[in-house]
Protein backbone atom coordinates (compact mmCIF):
# COMPACT_ATOMS: atom_id res chain seq x y z
CA MET A 1 -48.13 -176.78 53.16
CA LYS A 2 -45.26 -174.69 54.54
CA SER A 3 -47.49 -171.63 55.03
CA LYS A 4 -50.12 -173.76 56.77
CA TYR A 5 -47.43 -175.15 59.08
CA SER A 6 -46.14 -171.63 59.83
CA TYR A 7 -49.67 -170.39 60.59
CA THR A 8 -50.20 -173.30 63.02
CA ILE A 9 -46.93 -172.50 64.79
CA LEU A 10 -47.94 -168.82 64.99
CA ARG A 11 -51.36 -169.67 66.48
CA LEU A 12 -49.85 -172.01 69.07
CA SER A 13 -47.18 -169.46 69.99
CA ILE A 14 -49.71 -166.66 70.51
CA PHE A 15 -51.99 -169.07 72.40
CA PHE A 16 -49.06 -169.95 74.70
CA VAL A 17 -48.35 -166.25 75.32
CA PHE A 18 -51.96 -165.69 76.39
CA LEU A 19 -51.81 -168.76 78.66
CA VAL A 20 -48.76 -167.25 80.37
CA ILE A 21 -50.59 -163.93 80.76
CA LEU A 22 -53.63 -165.67 82.25
CA SER A 23 -51.50 -167.71 84.66
CA THR A 24 -50.08 -164.47 86.11
CA MET A 25 -53.63 -163.17 86.68
CA ILE A 26 -54.91 -166.17 88.63
CA ASN A 27 -54.76 -166.59 92.40
CA PHE A 28 -55.30 -170.34 92.84
CA GLN A 29 -56.49 -170.04 96.44
CA LEU A 30 -59.17 -167.56 95.35
CA LEU A 31 -59.94 -169.81 92.37
CA ARG A 32 -60.75 -172.75 94.65
CA GLU A 33 -62.92 -170.56 96.89
CA ALA A 34 -64.85 -169.20 93.91
CA LEU A 35 -65.44 -172.70 92.50
CA LEU A 36 -66.89 -173.84 95.84
CA GLN A 37 -69.44 -171.00 95.69
CA VAL A 38 -70.66 -171.63 92.14
CA LYS A 39 -74.47 -171.97 91.91
CA GLY A 40 -75.06 -175.07 89.78
CA GLY A 41 -78.70 -174.21 89.14
CA LEU A 42 -77.79 -170.90 87.50
CA VAL A 43 -75.13 -172.62 85.38
CA ALA A 44 -77.81 -175.04 84.13
CA LEU A 45 -80.12 -172.07 83.45
CA ALA A 46 -77.34 -170.39 81.45
CA VAL A 47 -77.04 -173.51 79.27
CA ALA A 48 -80.80 -173.44 78.63
CA ILE A 49 -80.65 -169.73 77.72
CA TYR A 50 -77.84 -170.35 75.27
CA LEU A 51 -79.76 -173.16 73.58
CA VAL A 52 -82.60 -170.64 73.13
CA ASN A 53 -80.04 -168.23 71.68
CA ILE A 54 -79.06 -170.88 69.14
CA ALA A 55 -82.74 -171.25 68.24
CA ILE A 56 -82.94 -167.48 67.57
CA ARG A 57 -79.90 -167.67 65.28
CA ALA A 58 -81.37 -170.73 63.57
CA TYR A 59 -84.62 -168.84 62.97
CA ARG A 60 -82.64 -166.02 61.35
CA LEU A 61 -81.01 -168.51 58.98
CA GLN A 62 -84.39 -170.08 58.21
CA MET A 63 -85.85 -166.64 57.40
CA LEU A 64 -83.06 -166.02 54.89
CA LEU A 65 -83.30 -169.42 53.21
CA ASN A 66 -87.10 -169.37 53.06
CA LYS A 67 -87.46 -165.81 51.75
CA ASP A 68 -88.99 -167.04 48.45
CA SER A 69 -90.01 -170.62 49.18
CA LYS A 70 -89.91 -173.10 52.04
CA ARG A 71 -86.52 -174.83 51.83
CA ILE A 72 -85.79 -175.87 55.42
CA THR A 73 -87.59 -176.19 58.73
CA LEU A 74 -86.53 -174.57 62.01
CA LYS A 75 -85.21 -177.97 63.11
CA ASP A 76 -83.01 -178.15 60.00
CA ALA A 77 -81.70 -174.63 60.62
CA TYR A 78 -81.01 -175.52 64.28
CA LEU A 79 -78.93 -178.56 63.27
CA ILE A 80 -76.95 -176.51 60.75
CA THR A 81 -76.29 -173.86 63.41
CA LEU A 82 -75.00 -176.55 65.80
CA ILE A 83 -72.63 -177.71 63.04
CA GLY A 84 -71.31 -174.15 62.86
CA ALA A 85 -70.66 -174.28 66.62
CA ALA A 86 -68.69 -177.51 66.16
CA LEU A 87 -66.58 -176.03 63.35
CA ASN A 88 -65.92 -172.89 65.41
CA MET A 89 -63.99 -175.09 67.84
CA VAL A 90 -61.33 -175.71 65.19
CA ILE A 91 -61.72 -172.81 62.71
CA PRO A 92 -60.53 -169.40 64.00
CA ALA A 93 -62.48 -166.13 64.14
CA THR A 94 -65.88 -167.91 64.28
CA MET A 95 -65.54 -168.74 60.55
CA GLY A 96 -67.09 -172.13 61.28
CA ASP A 97 -70.38 -170.30 60.78
CA ILE A 98 -69.39 -170.04 57.10
CA GLY A 99 -68.06 -173.60 56.90
CA ARG A 100 -71.45 -174.97 57.99
CA SER A 101 -72.82 -174.09 54.54
CA TYR A 102 -70.96 -177.11 53.11
CA TYR A 103 -72.76 -179.48 55.48
CA GLY A 104 -76.04 -177.69 54.84
CA TYR A 105 -75.55 -178.29 51.12
CA LYS A 106 -74.67 -181.97 51.63
CA MET A 107 -77.62 -182.55 53.97
CA TYR A 108 -80.31 -180.62 52.10
CA GLY A 109 -78.99 -180.26 48.54
CA ILE A 110 -79.06 -176.44 48.52
CA LYS A 111 -75.70 -175.20 47.25
CA GLU A 112 -75.61 -171.55 46.18
CA GLU A 113 -78.58 -170.58 48.34
CA MET A 114 -77.02 -172.18 51.43
CA LEU A 115 -73.68 -170.40 50.97
CA SER A 116 -75.30 -167.04 50.24
CA ALA A 117 -77.74 -167.32 53.15
CA THR A 118 -74.88 -168.27 55.47
CA LEU A 119 -72.86 -165.25 54.34
CA ILE A 120 -75.87 -162.96 54.77
CA ASP A 121 -76.53 -164.47 58.19
CA LYS A 122 -72.96 -163.62 59.23
CA ILE A 123 -73.26 -160.09 57.80
CA PHE A 124 -76.47 -159.43 59.75
CA ALA A 125 -74.90 -160.83 62.92
CA LEU A 126 -71.93 -158.46 62.54
CA ASN A 127 -74.14 -155.56 61.48
CA SER A 128 -76.39 -155.82 64.52
CA LEU A 129 -73.29 -156.22 66.69
CA PHE A 130 -71.85 -152.98 65.29
CA LEU A 131 -75.21 -151.30 65.95
CA LEU A 132 -75.13 -152.36 69.61
CA GLY A 133 -71.42 -151.51 69.69
CA PHE A 134 -72.24 -147.96 68.60
CA PHE A 135 -74.57 -147.43 71.58
CA SER A 136 -72.34 -149.26 74.07
CA ALA A 137 -69.22 -147.35 73.00
CA PHE A 138 -70.93 -143.98 73.46
CA LEU A 139 -72.36 -145.03 76.83
CA MET A 140 -68.86 -145.99 77.98
CA GLY A 141 -67.30 -142.80 76.60
CA TYR A 142 -65.33 -144.51 73.82
CA TYR A 143 -66.49 -142.08 71.14
CA TRP A 144 -63.82 -143.05 68.61
CA LEU A 145 -64.92 -146.68 68.96
CA GLY A 146 -68.53 -145.61 68.44
CA LEU A 147 -67.62 -143.84 65.21
CA ALA A 148 -65.65 -146.89 64.10
CA SER A 149 -68.74 -149.04 64.80
CA VAL A 150 -70.88 -146.77 62.61
CA PHE A 151 -68.34 -146.99 59.80
CA ALA A 152 -68.13 -150.79 60.13
CA MET A 153 -71.92 -151.05 60.22
CA ILE A 154 -72.28 -149.06 56.99
CA LEU A 155 -69.45 -150.98 55.32
CA SER A 156 -70.86 -154.39 56.29
CA PHE A 157 -74.34 -153.42 55.08
CA LEU A 158 -73.15 -152.47 51.56
CA PRO A 159 -73.16 -156.06 50.19
CA LEU A 160 -76.82 -156.39 51.24
CA THR A 161 -77.68 -153.24 49.30
CA PHE A 162 -75.35 -153.84 46.34
CA PRO A 163 -74.87 -157.66 46.01
CA ARG A 164 -72.64 -157.32 42.97
CA LEU A 165 -69.99 -155.68 45.14
CA VAL A 166 -69.19 -159.14 46.50
CA PRO A 167 -66.28 -160.66 44.47
CA TRP A 168 -68.21 -163.73 43.30
CA ASN A 169 -65.87 -164.32 40.35
CA LEU A 170 -62.88 -164.40 42.69
CA LEU A 171 -64.71 -166.93 44.85
CA ASN A 172 -65.41 -169.07 41.80
CA SER A 173 -61.79 -168.88 40.64
CA ILE A 174 -60.69 -170.20 44.02
CA LEU A 175 -63.26 -173.01 43.89
CA HIS A 176 -62.12 -173.98 40.38
CA ARG A 177 -58.81 -175.06 41.89
CA PHE A 178 -60.78 -177.70 43.80
CA GLN A 179 -62.83 -178.58 40.70
CA LYS A 180 -65.90 -176.86 42.17
CA SER A 181 -68.06 -174.09 40.78
CA LEU A 182 -71.05 -171.98 41.81
CA ASP A 183 -73.76 -170.16 39.89
CA ALA A 184 -72.95 -166.50 40.55
CA GLU A 185 -76.47 -165.35 39.61
CA LYS A 186 -78.03 -167.68 42.19
CA LEU A 187 -75.62 -166.36 44.82
CA ILE A 188 -76.55 -162.78 43.98
CA GLU A 189 -80.28 -163.54 43.91
CA THR A 190 -80.19 -164.84 47.49
CA PHE A 191 -78.56 -161.55 48.54
CA ARG A 192 -81.51 -159.59 47.16
CA LEU A 193 -83.76 -159.02 50.16
CA SER A 194 -86.74 -156.75 50.52
CA TRP A 195 -86.40 -153.94 53.06
CA SER A 196 -89.13 -155.53 55.19
CA THR A 197 -87.10 -158.76 55.30
CA LYS A 198 -83.93 -156.85 56.19
CA TYR A 199 -85.80 -155.07 58.98
CA ARG A 200 -87.19 -158.32 60.43
CA VAL A 201 -83.84 -160.12 60.20
CA MET A 202 -82.11 -157.19 61.91
CA LEU A 203 -84.64 -157.29 64.76
CA VAL A 204 -84.03 -161.02 65.21
CA SER A 205 -80.26 -160.40 65.17
CA VAL A 206 -80.51 -157.75 67.90
CA LEU A 207 -82.73 -160.09 69.93
CA GLY A 208 -80.07 -162.78 69.55
CA TRP A 209 -77.34 -160.50 70.92
CA LEU A 210 -79.56 -159.45 73.82
CA CYS A 211 -80.12 -163.14 74.57
CA THR A 212 -76.34 -163.64 74.51
CA SER A 213 -76.02 -160.81 77.05
CA VAL A 214 -78.63 -162.43 79.32
CA PHE A 215 -76.70 -165.71 79.04
CA PHE A 216 -73.43 -164.07 80.11
CA TYR A 217 -75.22 -162.17 82.89
CA THR A 218 -76.66 -165.47 84.20
CA VAL A 219 -73.17 -167.01 84.22
CA CYS A 220 -71.98 -164.00 86.25
CA GLN A 221 -74.81 -164.50 88.75
CA ALA A 222 -73.63 -168.07 89.32
CA PHE A 223 -70.47 -166.63 90.93
CA PRO A 224 -70.02 -164.46 94.05
CA VAL A 225 -69.91 -161.17 92.14
CA VAL A 226 -72.24 -158.22 91.57
CA VAL A 227 -72.68 -157.40 87.87
CA HIS A 228 -75.69 -155.59 86.42
CA LEU A 229 -77.35 -156.70 83.19
CA GLY A 230 -77.00 -153.19 81.75
CA TYR A 231 -73.22 -153.33 82.13
CA VAL A 232 -73.09 -156.71 80.39
CA ILE A 233 -75.14 -155.36 77.47
CA VAL A 234 -72.74 -152.42 77.19
CA ILE A 235 -69.56 -154.54 77.07
CA MET A 236 -70.94 -157.52 75.10
CA PRO A 237 -70.33 -156.07 71.60
CA ILE A 238 -66.69 -155.36 72.48
CA LEU A 239 -66.23 -158.84 73.97
CA THR A 240 -67.74 -160.40 70.85
CA LEU A 241 -65.40 -158.45 68.58
CA VAL A 242 -62.48 -159.69 70.69
CA ARG A 243 -63.66 -163.24 69.98
CA LEU A 244 -62.94 -162.62 66.29
CA PHE A 245 -59.20 -162.66 67.11
CA PRO A 246 -57.96 -165.41 64.75
CA PHE A 247 -54.74 -166.56 66.40
CA THR A 248 -55.89 -168.55 69.44
CA VAL A 249 -57.98 -171.66 69.98
CA ASN A 250 -61.65 -170.68 70.18
CA ALA A 251 -60.65 -167.12 71.19
CA LEU A 252 -59.29 -168.50 74.46
CA GLY A 253 -57.05 -165.90 76.05
CA PRO A 254 -58.01 -162.55 74.49
CA THR A 255 -61.60 -162.87 75.72
CA GLU A 256 -60.51 -163.64 79.28
CA VAL A 257 -58.11 -160.68 79.30
CA ALA A 258 -60.89 -158.39 78.02
CA VAL A 259 -63.36 -159.63 80.65
CA ALA A 260 -60.76 -159.15 83.38
CA TYR A 261 -60.21 -155.56 82.17
CA PHE A 262 -63.90 -154.61 82.15
CA PHE A 263 -64.63 -156.39 85.44
CA SER A 264 -61.69 -154.63 87.10
CA MET A 265 -63.81 -151.47 86.78
CA LEU A 266 -66.32 -153.20 89.07
CA GLU A 267 -63.51 -154.20 91.47
CA ILE A 268 -63.93 -157.88 90.60
CA PRO A 269 -60.66 -159.84 91.07
CA PRO A 270 -59.00 -161.00 87.82
CA THR A 271 -59.13 -164.61 89.04
CA VAL A 272 -62.92 -164.57 89.28
CA ALA A 273 -63.27 -162.64 86.02
CA VAL A 274 -61.16 -165.20 84.15
CA LEU A 275 -63.14 -168.06 85.72
CA ILE A 276 -66.44 -166.48 84.64
CA SER A 277 -65.15 -165.98 81.10
CA LEU A 278 -63.85 -169.55 80.86
CA THR A 279 -67.17 -170.91 82.14
CA ALA A 280 -69.12 -168.86 79.60
CA ASN A 281 -66.72 -170.02 76.87
CA ILE A 282 -67.22 -173.68 77.76
CA LEU A 283 -71.00 -173.39 77.99
CA SER A 284 -71.36 -171.42 74.73
CA SER A 285 -68.72 -173.24 72.68
CA VAL A 286 -67.92 -176.71 73.95
CA ILE A 287 -71.45 -177.91 74.74
CA PRO A 288 -73.03 -176.72 71.42
CA GLY A 289 -69.84 -177.85 69.65
CA VAL A 290 -70.15 -181.39 70.99
CA LEU A 291 -73.82 -181.47 69.95
CA GLY A 292 -72.82 -180.17 66.52
CA MET A 293 -70.14 -182.84 66.19
CA GLY A 294 -72.85 -185.42 66.85
CA VAL A 295 -74.90 -183.91 64.01
CA ILE A 296 -71.86 -184.08 61.68
CA LEU A 297 -71.20 -187.72 62.56
CA ALA A 298 -74.86 -188.63 62.12
CA ALA A 299 -74.93 -186.87 58.72
CA ARG A 300 -71.81 -188.71 57.57
CA TYR A 301 -73.26 -192.02 58.75
CA LYS A 302 -76.37 -191.41 56.63
């Protein structure tokens, strides 16, 4: 209990520090002017694009769960993905995507397969991100970051090639404390994917990240700035890695600072950059999160 309390204090303290940093970057007069010029139609289009992005991620999860037999529909996978978005609002480092497996199990009765598929889904998401990060880092001249992306990509792909490398026994020992247990063999079996399945899932993952880039580009177009889609695709992997920072609420703060840094290279004022980042954060986190919370409440009611 004490460690949990200390961690909460640490998160709030770091979050406060980032709020102070952001407040020094914002010109409130420019903020009001930028808000008056926002194109509402493009903001609505960005929301629609992100809902499509969620559908792509849901399809990836469905592919993994249905690799041997039909377990869930695309609608089921979409609802589970929305639950992950809701949990990401309160669980740091986007780990709500893992927590959704519990609700998936409760809703559809698939325990080991749901947890394994959720873990694999996260691994593929990170793996494809590192792949894009490799190309974007080299295009931007960050060669050391490109090499780090290659190393991370290889490291994250190892569990998919050698499932027994995952410490399943350690996971079970932790669950035993809560009087829970999992069948390790079922967990491992879900990790065993054919190379054709891995190839198709990777393609879907890359498509998902490209869709995320188009979403962020559309948000940018809603403001009085000039940003090219190619530049967004280049910086998106780095921005997504920044979102894994575990010590703030929904990655609020580090992401805005990173966007302000990259947009400063385009001579975009920090105020507008922070506003764009906050808008994208709200559209991609709060709206799906609220929908996911509705799914959780409906599931509990049933």
